[in-house]
Protein backbone atom coordinates (compact mmCIF):
# COMPACT_ATOMS: atom_id res chain seq x y z
CA MET A 1 97.41 103.66 110.49
CA ALA A 2 100.20 101.13 110.48
CA CYS A 3 103.01 101.75 112.90
CA LEU A 4 106.10 99.64 112.63
CA LYS A 5 109.84 100.11 112.65
CA ILE A 6 112.34 98.17 110.59
CA HIS A 7 115.99 98.20 111.66
CA SER A 8 118.72 96.87 109.41
CA GLY A 9 122.44 96.67 109.72
CA TYR A 10 125.41 94.42 109.44
CA GLU A 11 126.52 92.09 112.20
CA LYS A 12 129.67 90.06 111.61
CA GLY A 13 129.37 90.72 107.88
CA ASP A 14 125.76 89.55 107.55
CA LEU A 15 122.79 91.80 106.90
CA VAL A 16 120.39 91.58 109.84
CA ILE A 17 116.86 92.97 109.65
CA ARG A 18 114.68 93.31 112.73
CA GLY A 19 111.14 94.56 112.94
CA GLU A 20 109.19 96.11 115.77
CA PHE A 21 105.44 95.97 115.38
CA CYS A 22 102.23 95.61 117.32
CA ASP A 23 101.97 92.06 118.64
CA LEU A 24 98.51 92.60 120.16
CA CYS A 25 99.77 92.16 123.72
CA LEU A 26 96.95 94.57 124.74
CA GLU A 27 99.14 96.37 127.30
CA CYS A 28 98.02 99.66 125.74
CA VAL A 29 94.34 98.71 126.16
CA GLU A 30 94.90 97.89 129.83
CA ALA A 31 96.91 101.09 130.41
CA CYS A 32 94.38 103.45 128.83
CA PRO A 33 92.46 105.13 131.69
CA THR A 34 89.63 106.37 129.47
CA GLY A 35 89.00 103.16 127.50
CA ALA A 36 89.79 104.96 124.24
CA ILE A 37 91.77 101.97 122.92
CA THR A 38 89.78 98.84 122.19
CA SER A 39 90.57 95.47 120.66
CA GLU A 40 88.17 93.52 118.49
CA ASN A 41 88.75 90.67 116.01
CA GLY A 42 92.55 90.97 116.15
CA SER A 43 92.59 94.70 115.48
CA LEU A 44 93.02 97.78 117.66
CA SER A 45 91.12 101.01 117.35
CA VAL A 46 91.30 104.38 119.05
CA ASP A 47 88.38 106.64 119.85
CA GLN A 48 90.21 109.94 119.50
CA GLU A 49 87.31 111.78 121.19
CA SER A 50 87.79 109.69 124.36
CA CYS A 51 91.60 109.88 124.31
CA SER A 52 92.92 112.22 127.03
CA GLU A 53 96.39 112.32 125.39
CA CYS A 54 97.92 111.28 128.72
CA GLY A 55 100.58 109.05 127.14
CA LEU A 56 100.04 106.08 129.47
CA SER A 57 99.40 103.71 126.55
CA VAL A 58 102.58 104.96 124.88
CA ASP A 59 104.56 104.17 128.03
CA ALA A 60 102.95 100.72 128.31
CA TRP A 61 104.65 99.56 125.10
CA PRO A 62 108.05 101.28 125.16
CA TYR A 63 109.32 100.29 121.71
CA GLY A 64 108.08 103.42 119.97
CA ILE A 65 105.32 101.81 117.96
CA ILE A 66 102.52 103.60 119.79
CA HIS A 67 103.04 107.33 119.98
CA LEU A 68 101.35 110.69 120.12
CA SER A 69 101.59 112.89 117.03
CA SER A 70 102.66 116.51 117.35
CA SER A 71 98.95 117.41 117.40
CA GLY A 72 98.32 115.00 120.30
CA LYS A 73 96.56 112.32 118.22
CA LEU A 74 97.28 108.78 119.41
CA LEU A 75 98.84 106.74 116.61
CA ILE A 76 98.57 102.97 116.91
CA CYS A 77 98.75 100.10 114.43
CA ASP A 78 95.24 99.09 113.39
CA ARG A 79 96.57 96.45 110.97
CA CYS A 80 94.80 98.35 108.19
CA GLY A 81 91.51 96.67 108.93
CA GLY A 82 92.93 93.17 108.42
CA SER A 83 94.78 93.91 105.17
CA PRO A 84 98.11 95.39 106.31
CA GLU A 85 99.47 97.75 103.67
CA CYS A 86 103.03 97.18 104.89
CA VAL A 87 102.75 93.59 103.64
CA SER A 88 101.79 94.63 100.12
CA TRP A 89 104.27 97.52 100.11
CA CYS A 90 107.38 95.56 101.11
CA PRO A 91 109.32 94.94 97.87
CA HIS A 92 111.28 91.99 99.30
CA GLU A 93 108.33 90.23 100.97
CA ALA A 94 110.12 90.49 104.31
CA ILE A 95 106.86 91.39 106.05
CA LYS A 96 104.22 88.69 106.12
CA LYS A 97 100.59 88.76 107.11
CA GLU A 98 99.99 86.76 110.28
CA GLY A 99 99.26 83.14 109.42
CA SER A 100 100.74 83.45 105.93
CA ALA A 101 103.46 80.99 104.95
CA THR A 102 104.63 83.03 101.98
């Protein structure tokens, strides 16, 4: 599941677009008391069975990218297994895959 937020608006007459996304800081991994969140090869994964739904990983990255669903499932950006769908979906190519110049 990809989790990102795009904010757009006008500042001094110019359109400004800002994105909030997982930057792999691993704060959520360190904050998880059960070890349910792991990082491997530049991707995060969640073992939902191990997740205690405590919310500590959500609080560790306070920008609203990591969150608990209404059913208590932890939602975190897994970068779509290395092929982020947000990159292919974006009609204006404003989102780029890490390391991509275009």
